[in-house]
Amino acid sequence: MSQQDQRARVLALAADSAIMTVDRATLRLFDGRLPQRIAEALVKAGIDAPERLLFMSKVEIAALPGVGPAARREIDAYRMRFVPH
């Protein structure tokens, strides 16, 4: 592997790490609303406030990376407190 290829690979990994970093201030917006592990997955997926979940369809929520069946049940319970069925 050339030095230029190695540099490109390192830069790509650094960019991925930056994307995966969770902003603690944003994470605090989820406190008391959803478990920490779910909040982290949502923030990593680009959801910057729990209220955004209220305006998303179940299909959109299911498509979020890192949000599995158990997390979707928790999110559904959160949404039911605010969104009429």
Protein backbone atom coordinates (compact mmCIF):
# COMPACT_ATOMS: atom_id res chain seq x y z
CA MET A 1 0.00 0.00 0.00
CA SER A 2 1.41 3.36 -0.99
CA GLN A 3 1.93 6.14 1.50
CA GLN A 4 -0.84 8.13 -0.19
CA ASP A 5 -3.26 5.18 0.16
CA GLN A 6 -2.32 4.79 3.82
CA ARG A 7 -2.92 8.50 4.43
CA ALA A 8 -6.31 8.33 2.70
CA ARG A 9 -7.26 5.33 4.82
CA VAL A 10 -6.26 7.08 8.06
CA LEU A 11 -8.21 10.19 7.07
CA ALA A 12 -11.28 8.07 6.28
CA LEU A 13 -11.04 6.35 9.66
CA ALA A 14 -10.69 9.71 11.42
CA ALA A 15 -13.76 11.02 9.62
CA ASP A 16 -15.74 7.92 10.65
CA SER A 17 -14.65 8.43 14.27
CA ALA A 18 -15.72 12.06 14.19
CA ILE A 19 -19.14 11.06 12.91
CA MET A 20 -19.49 8.45 15.65
CA THR A 21 -18.66 10.90 18.42
CA VAL A 22 -21.71 11.63 20.52
CA ASP A 23 -22.28 15.23 21.54
CA ARG A 24 -22.91 15.15 25.30
CA ALA A 25 -24.99 18.33 25.28
CA THR A 26 -27.32 16.83 22.68
CA LEU A 27 -27.43 13.58 24.62
CA ARG A 28 -28.69 15.43 27.72
CA LEU A 29 -31.83 16.39 25.78
CA PHE A 30 -32.83 12.72 25.94
CA ASP A 31 -32.34 12.42 29.73
CA GLY A 32 -35.42 10.99 31.43
CA ARG A 33 -37.09 10.31 28.10
CA LEU A 34 -35.21 7.34 26.66
CA PRO A 35 -32.48 5.03 27.97
CA GLN A 36 -28.88 6.18 27.43
CA ARG A 37 -28.03 3.40 24.94
CA ILE A 38 -30.99 4.34 22.74
CA ALA A 39 -30.22 8.05 23.01
CA GLU A 40 -26.64 7.42 21.88
CA ALA A 41 -27.82 5.38 18.88
CA LEU A 42 -30.30 8.11 17.93
CA VAL A 43 -27.73 10.89 18.20
CA LYS A 44 -25.28 8.88 16.10
CA ALA A 45 -28.05 8.45 13.52
CA GLY A 46 -28.55 12.23 13.36
CA ILE A 47 -31.56 12.65 15.65
CA ASP A 48 -30.64 15.75 17.67
CA ALA A 49 -33.75 15.97 19.88
CA PRO A 50 -36.26 13.38 21.11
CA GLU A 51 -39.14 15.49 19.80
CA ARG A 52 -38.01 14.68 16.25
CA LEU A 53 -39.22 11.13 16.87
CA LEU A 54 -42.76 12.46 17.19
CA PHE A 55 -42.76 13.55 13.56
CA MET A 56 -41.18 10.42 12.09
CA SER A 57 -43.06 7.44 10.74
CA LYS A 58 -42.47 3.97 12.14
CA VAL A 59 -40.80 3.08 8.83
CA GLU A 60 -38.36 5.99 9.18
CA ILE A 61 -37.56 5.00 12.77
CA ALA A 62 -37.04 1.36 11.77
CA ALA A 63 -34.56 2.50 9.12
CA LEU A 64 -32.33 4.31 11.62
CA PRO A 65 -28.95 2.60 12.00
CA GLY A 66 -28.33 1.12 15.44
CA VAL A 67 -32.03 1.05 16.37
CA GLY A 68 -33.20 -2.52 16.80
CA PRO A 69 -36.52 -4.06 17.87
CA ALA A 70 -36.04 -3.41 21.59
CA ALA A 71 -35.13 0.23 20.97
CA ARG A 72 -38.13 0.64 18.67
CA ARG A 73 -40.43 -0.61 21.45
CA GLU A 74 -38.95 1.99 23.82
CA ILE A 75 -39.34 4.70 21.18
CA ASP A 76 -42.94 3.62 20.53
CA ALA A 77 -43.68 3.90 24.26
CA TYR A 78 -42.16 7.39 24.29
CA ARG A 79 -44.18 8.44 21.23
CA MET A 80 -47.45 7.08 22.69
CA ARG A 81 -47.18 9.62 25.51
CA PHE A 82 -47.51 12.46 22.96
CA VAL A 83 -48.88 11.15 19.66
CA PRO A 84 -52.48 9.96 19.53
CA HIS A 85 -52.82 6.37 18.31
